[in-house]
């Protein structure tokens, strides 16, 4: 896939590398949209049940990882990304889920 591995720079990527990255991005986007549709329409259980929270929490954890862990590794380096993913990632997920839950419970669209 990436011909410049292990130390790739954006300027070294070829056209086929960019196509692979684009295809991967489209795949991640499409699969996450399908996953979101499933996770947020899963109302078989009451809101007080862990089975109601689990798919939503896992989806929000995935989105949080894509938005925070990858940039932490990219912009702050491997060591900072490692420590972020080991120490700060889980509290970040909890904060993101709590924020989403507050918005969902209050139903701002109604």
N, C-alpha and C. Protein backbone atom coordinates (compact mmCIF):
# COMPACT_ATOMS: atom_id res chain seq x y z
N UNK A 1 0.82 -1.18 0.00
CA UNK A 1 0.00 0.00 0.00
C UNK A 1 0.87 1.25 0.00
N UNK A 2 1.39 1.68 1.11
CA UNK A 2 2.21 2.89 1.12
C UNK A 2 3.65 2.51 0.82
N UNK A 3 4.13 2.95 -0.33
CA UNK A 3 5.47 2.56 -0.79
C UNK A 3 6.58 3.21 0.01
N UNK A 4 6.29 4.26 0.76
CA UNK A 4 7.32 4.98 1.50
C UNK A 4 7.47 4.49 2.94
N UNK A 5 6.77 3.44 3.32
CA UNK A 5 6.84 2.95 4.70
C UNK A 5 8.26 2.60 5.08
N UNK A 6 8.71 2.73 6.28
CA UNK A 6 7.98 3.02 7.50
C UNK A 6 7.88 4.50 7.82
N UNK A 7 8.67 5.37 7.19
CA UNK A 7 8.66 6.80 7.52
C UNK A 7 8.07 7.59 6.36
N UNK A 8 6.76 7.71 6.33
CA UNK A 8 6.09 8.40 5.22
C UNK A 8 5.91 9.88 5.52
N UNK A 9 6.10 10.68 4.50
CA UNK A 9 5.77 12.09 4.53
C UNK A 9 4.70 12.31 3.46
N UNK A 10 3.88 13.33 3.64
CA UNK A 10 2.83 13.58 2.66
C UNK A 10 3.38 13.82 1.27
N UNK A 11 4.54 14.45 1.18
CA UNK A 11 5.13 14.75 -0.13
C UNK A 11 5.63 13.50 -0.84
N UNK A 12 5.81 12.40 -0.13
CA UNK A 12 6.33 11.17 -0.72
C UNK A 12 5.25 10.21 -1.20
N UNK A 13 3.99 10.51 -0.94
CA UNK A 13 2.92 9.60 -1.32
C UNK A 13 2.67 9.67 -2.82
N UNK A 14 2.53 8.50 -3.43
CA UNK A 14 2.24 8.43 -4.86
C UNK A 14 0.73 8.48 -5.09
N UNK A 15 0.34 8.50 -6.36
CA UNK A 15 -1.09 8.56 -6.70
C UNK A 15 -1.82 7.33 -6.19
N UNK A 16 -1.21 6.15 -6.31
CA UNK A 16 -1.87 4.94 -5.82
C UNK A 16 -2.01 4.96 -4.29
N UNK A 17 -1.02 5.54 -3.61
CA UNK A 17 -1.13 5.67 -2.15
C UNK A 17 -2.31 6.56 -1.78
N UNK A 18 -2.48 7.67 -2.50
CA UNK A 18 -3.60 8.57 -2.23
C UNK A 18 -4.93 7.89 -2.52
N UNK A 19 -4.98 7.06 -3.57
CA UNK A 19 -6.21 6.33 -3.87
C UNK A 19 -6.54 5.33 -2.77
N UNK A 20 -5.53 4.62 -2.27
CA UNK A 20 -5.75 3.69 -1.16
C UNK A 20 -6.25 4.43 0.07
N UNK A 21 -5.65 5.57 0.37
CA UNK A 21 -6.08 6.35 1.53
C UNK A 21 -7.50 6.88 1.35
N UNK A 22 -7.82 7.31 0.14
CA UNK A 22 -9.18 7.78 -0.14
C UNK A 22 -10.18 6.63 0.00
N UNK A 23 -9.84 5.46 -0.54
CA UNK A 23 -10.73 4.30 -0.42
C UNK A 23 -10.91 3.90 1.04
N UNK A 24 -9.84 3.94 1.80
CA UNK A 24 -9.93 3.63 3.23
C UNK A 24 -10.82 4.64 3.94
N UNK A 25 -10.66 5.91 3.62
CA UNK A 25 -11.49 6.95 4.23
C UNK A 25 -12.96 6.77 3.91
N UNK A 26 -13.27 6.45 2.65
CA UNK A 26 -14.66 6.22 2.25
C UNK A 26 -15.22 5.00 2.97
N UNK A 27 -14.41 3.94 3.08
CA UNK A 27 -14.86 2.75 3.79
C UNK A 27 -15.15 3.04 5.26
N UNK A 28 -14.26 3.76 5.92
CA UNK A 28 -14.46 4.10 7.33
C UNK A 28 -15.71 4.97 7.49
N UNK A 29 -15.89 5.94 6.61
CA UNK A 29 -17.07 6.81 6.69
C UNK A 29 -18.35 6.01 6.49
N UNK A 30 -18.40 5.18 5.44
CA UNK A 30 -19.61 4.42 5.14
C UNK A 30 -19.93 3.43 6.26
N UNK A 31 -18.92 2.73 6.74
CA UNK A 31 -19.17 1.76 7.81
C UNK A 31 -19.58 2.46 9.11
N UNK A 32 -19.00 3.62 9.38
CA UNK A 32 -19.39 4.33 10.61
C UNK A 32 -20.81 4.88 10.50
N UNK A 33 -21.24 5.27 9.32
CA UNK A 33 -22.63 5.74 9.16
C UNK A 33 -23.61 4.59 9.34
N UNK A 34 -23.28 3.41 8.80
CA UNK A 34 -24.14 2.25 9.01
C UNK A 34 -24.19 1.87 10.48
N UNK A 35 -23.03 1.92 11.11
CA UNK A 35 -22.93 1.60 12.53
C UNK A 35 -23.74 2.59 13.36
N UNK A 36 -23.66 3.87 13.01
CA UNK A 36 -24.42 4.90 13.74
C UNK A 36 -25.92 4.68 13.57
N UNK A 37 -26.33 4.34 12.37
CA UNK A 37 -27.75 4.10 12.12
C UNK A 37 -28.25 2.95 13.01
N UNK A 38 -27.42 1.90 13.12
CA UNK A 38 -27.80 0.78 13.98
C UNK A 38 -27.77 1.17 15.46
N UNK A 39 -26.70 1.82 15.88
CA UNK A 39 -26.51 2.13 17.31
C UNK A 39 -27.58 3.07 17.84
N UNK A 40 -27.96 4.05 17.04
CA UNK A 40 -28.89 5.06 17.54
C UNK A 40 -30.35 4.75 17.24
N UNK A 41 -30.61 3.66 16.55
CA UNK A 41 -32.00 3.26 16.33
C UNK A 41 -32.33 2.01 17.14
N UNK A 42 -31.42 1.59 17.97
CA UNK A 42 -31.58 0.37 18.75
C UNK A 42 -32.33 0.68 20.03
N UNK A 43 -33.65 0.77 19.95
CA UNK A 43 -34.48 1.16 21.09
C UNK A 43 -35.30 -0.01 21.63
N UNK A 44 -34.76 -1.21 21.51
CA UNK A 44 -35.46 -2.39 21.99
C UNK A 44 -35.51 -2.42 23.52
N UNK A 45 -34.49 -1.82 24.14
CA UNK A 45 -34.39 -1.83 25.60
C UNK A 45 -34.64 -0.43 26.15
N UNK A 46 -35.05 -0.32 27.42
CA UNK A 46 -35.26 1.01 28.01
C UNK A 46 -33.93 1.73 28.22
N UNK A 47 -33.99 3.03 28.38
CA UNK A 47 -32.78 3.83 28.54
C UNK A 47 -32.01 3.49 29.81
N UNK A 48 -32.65 2.89 30.77
CA UNK A 48 -31.97 2.52 32.01
C UNK A 48 -31.15 1.24 31.87
N UNK A 49 -31.30 0.53 30.76
CA UNK A 49 -30.59 -0.73 30.55
C UNK A 49 -29.20 -0.49 29.96
N UNK A 50 -28.25 -1.32 30.38
CA UNK A 50 -26.90 -1.25 29.82
C UNK A 50 -26.91 -1.61 28.34
N UNK A 51 -27.84 -2.45 27.92
CA UNK A 51 -27.94 -2.83 26.51
C UNK A 51 -28.36 -1.65 25.63
N UNK A 52 -28.99 -0.66 26.20
CA UNK A 52 -29.33 0.55 25.44
C UNK A 52 -28.09 1.41 25.28
N UNK A 53 -27.26 1.49 26.32
CA UNK A 53 -26.09 2.36 26.31
C UNK A 53 -24.90 1.78 25.54
N UNK A 54 -24.73 0.46 25.55
CA UNK A 54 -23.52 -0.16 24.99
C UNK A 54 -23.27 0.19 23.53
N UNK A 55 -24.22 0.02 22.60
CA UNK A 55 -23.91 0.35 21.20
C UNK A 55 -23.60 1.83 20.99
N UNK A 56 -24.28 2.68 21.71
CA UNK A 56 -24.03 4.12 21.59
C UNK A 56 -22.66 4.49 22.14
N UNK A 57 -22.31 3.91 23.29
CA UNK A 57 -21.01 4.20 23.90
C UNK A 57 -19.87 3.72 23.01
N UNK A 58 -20.01 2.53 22.45
CA UNK A 58 -18.95 1.99 21.58
C UNK A 58 -18.81 2.85 20.33
N UNK A 59 -19.93 3.28 19.75
CA UNK A 59 -19.85 4.14 18.57
C UNK A 59 -19.18 5.47 18.90
N UNK A 60 -19.55 6.08 20.01
CA UNK A 60 -18.95 7.36 20.39
C UNK A 60 -17.48 7.18 20.72
N UNK A 61 -17.10 6.04 21.29
CA UNK A 61 -15.68 5.75 21.55
C UNK A 61 -14.91 5.66 20.24
N UNK A 62 -15.50 5.03 19.22
CA UNK A 62 -14.85 4.92 17.91
C UNK A 62 -14.67 6.29 17.27
N UNK A 63 -15.71 7.09 17.28
CA UNK A 63 -15.62 8.43 16.68
C UNK A 63 -14.62 9.29 17.43
N UNK A 64 -14.63 9.19 18.76
CA UNK A 64 -13.67 9.95 19.56
C UNK A 64 -12.24 9.52 19.25
N UNK A 65 -12.03 8.23 19.05
CA UNK A 65 -10.69 7.74 18.69
C UNK A 65 -10.25 8.30 17.35
N UNK A 66 -11.15 8.30 16.38
CA UNK A 66 -10.79 8.82 15.06
C UNK A 66 -10.49 10.32 15.11
N UNK A 67 -11.18 11.03 15.97
CA UNK A 67 -10.99 12.48 16.04
C UNK A 67 -9.86 12.92 16.95
N UNK A 68 -9.44 12.09 17.89
CA UNK A 68 -8.43 12.54 18.86
C UNK A 68 -7.14 11.73 18.84
N UNK A 69 -7.21 10.41 18.79
CA UNK A 69 -5.99 9.60 18.89
C UNK A 69 -5.11 9.77 17.66
N UNK A 70 -5.71 9.70 16.50
CA UNK A 70 -4.92 9.84 15.26
C UNK A 70 -4.24 11.21 15.18
N UNK A 71 -4.94 12.32 15.42
CA UNK A 71 -4.24 13.62 15.43
C UNK A 71 -3.19 13.73 16.54
N UNK A 72 -3.42 13.11 17.69
CA UNK A 72 -2.42 13.17 18.77
C UNK A 72 -1.12 12.51 18.32
N UNK A 73 -1.22 11.36 17.68
CA UNK A 73 -0.02 10.69 17.15
C UNK A 73 0.62 11.53 16.05
N UNK A 74 -0.21 12.09 15.17
CA UNK A 74 0.31 12.82 14.02
C UNK A 74 0.97 14.13 14.41
N UNK A 75 0.31 14.93 15.22
CA UNK A 75 0.79 16.28 15.49
C UNK A 75 1.71 16.38 16.70
N UNK A 76 1.55 15.50 17.68
CA UNK A 76 2.34 15.61 18.90
C UNK A 76 3.42 14.55 19.01
N UNK A 77 3.48 13.64 18.07
CA UNK A 77 4.52 12.63 18.08
C UNK A 77 4.06 11.31 18.67
N UNK A 78 4.90 10.31 18.48
CA UNK A 78 4.55 8.96 18.89
C UNK A 78 4.43 8.82 20.41
N UNK A 79 5.35 9.42 21.14
CA UNK A 79 5.30 9.30 22.60
C UNK A 79 4.07 9.97 23.19
N UNK A 80 3.78 11.18 22.74
CA UNK A 80 2.60 11.89 23.24
C UNK A 80 1.32 11.16 22.86
N UNK A 81 1.27 10.65 21.63
CA UNK A 81 0.10 9.89 21.20
C UNK A 81 -0.10 8.63 22.01
N UNK A 82 1.01 7.97 22.33
CA UNK A 82 0.94 6.75 23.14
C UNK A 82 0.37 7.07 24.52
N UNK A 83 0.90 8.09 25.17
CA UNK A 83 0.43 8.43 26.52
C UNK A 83 -0.99 8.97 26.50
N UNK A 84 -1.34 9.70 25.45
CA UNK A 84 -2.73 10.16 25.34
C UNK A 84 -3.67 8.95 25.26
N UNK A 85 -3.32 8.00 24.39
CA UNK A 85 -4.20 6.86 24.20
C UNK A 85 -4.26 5.96 25.43
N UNK A 86 -3.23 5.97 26.26
CA UNK A 86 -3.21 5.14 27.47
C UNK A 86 -3.85 5.82 28.68
N UNK A 87 -3.70 7.13 28.80
CA UNK A 87 -4.13 7.82 30.01
C UNK A 87 -5.36 8.70 29.78
N UNK A 88 -5.35 9.52 28.75
CA UNK A 88 -6.40 10.54 28.57
C UNK A 88 -7.55 10.12 27.67
N UNK A 89 -7.39 9.05 26.90
CA UNK A 89 -8.42 8.66 25.94
C UNK A 89 -9.72 8.25 26.63
N UNK A 90 -9.63 7.40 27.65
CA UNK A 90 -10.85 6.93 28.31
C UNK A 90 -11.62 8.07 28.99
N UNK A 91 -10.97 8.97 29.73
CA UNK A 91 -11.74 10.11 30.26
C UNK A 91 -12.35 10.98 29.17
N UNK A 92 -11.67 11.09 28.04
CA UNK A 92 -12.22 11.85 26.91
C UNK A 92 -13.49 11.18 26.39
N UNK A 93 -13.49 9.85 26.32
CA UNK A 93 -14.68 9.12 25.89
C UNK A 93 -15.83 9.36 26.87
N UNK A 94 -15.53 9.27 28.15
CA UNK A 94 -16.58 9.47 29.15
C UNK A 94 -17.18 10.87 29.06
N UNK A 95 -16.34 11.87 28.85
CA UNK A 95 -16.84 13.24 28.71
C UNK A 95 -17.68 13.38 27.45
N UNK A 96 -17.20 12.81 26.34
CA UNK A 96 -17.95 12.88 25.08
C UNK A 96 -19.30 12.17 25.20
N UNK A 97 -19.31 11.00 25.84
CA UNK A 97 -20.57 10.27 26.00
C UNK A 97 -21.53 11.01 26.93
N UNK A 98 -21.00 11.56 28.02
CA UNK A 98 -21.85 12.32 28.94
C UNK A 98 -22.44 13.54 28.25
N UNK A 99 -21.64 14.22 27.44
CA UNK A 99 -22.14 15.39 26.70
C UNK A 99 -23.22 14.98 25.72
N UNK A 100 -22.98 13.88 24.98
CA UNK A 100 -24.00 13.41 24.04
C UNK A 100 -25.27 13.01 24.78
N UNK A 101 -25.12 12.33 25.92
CA UNK A 101 -26.27 11.88 26.68
C UNK A 101 -27.10 13.05 27.21
N UNK A 102 -26.43 14.10 27.66
CA UNK A 102 -27.15 15.30 28.12
C UNK A 102 -27.94 15.93 26.99
N UNK A 103 -27.35 16.01 25.83
CA UNK A 103 -28.05 16.60 24.68
C UNK A 103 -29.19 15.69 24.25
N UNK A 104 -28.97 14.39 24.24
CA UNK A 104 -30.00 13.45 23.81
C UNK A 104 -31.19 13.44 24.77
N UNK A 105 -30.92 13.49 26.05
CA UNK A 105 -32.00 13.48 27.04
C UNK A 105 -32.83 14.76 26.97
N UNK A 106 -32.18 15.89 26.73
CA UNK A 106 -32.90 17.17 26.69
C UNK A 106 -33.60 17.44 25.37
N UNK A 107 -33.33 16.66 24.34
CA UNK A 107 -33.99 16.77 23.03
C UNK A 107 -34.09 18.21 22.53
N UNK A 108 -32.96 18.81 22.12
CA UNK A 108 -33.01 20.21 21.68
C UNK A 108 -33.80 20.42 20.40
N UNK A 109 -34.03 19.37 19.61
CA UNK A 109 -34.76 19.53 18.35
C UNK A 109 -36.26 19.63 18.57
N UNK A 110 -36.74 19.34 19.75
CA UNK A 110 -38.19 19.38 20.00
C UNK A 110 -38.63 20.69 20.60
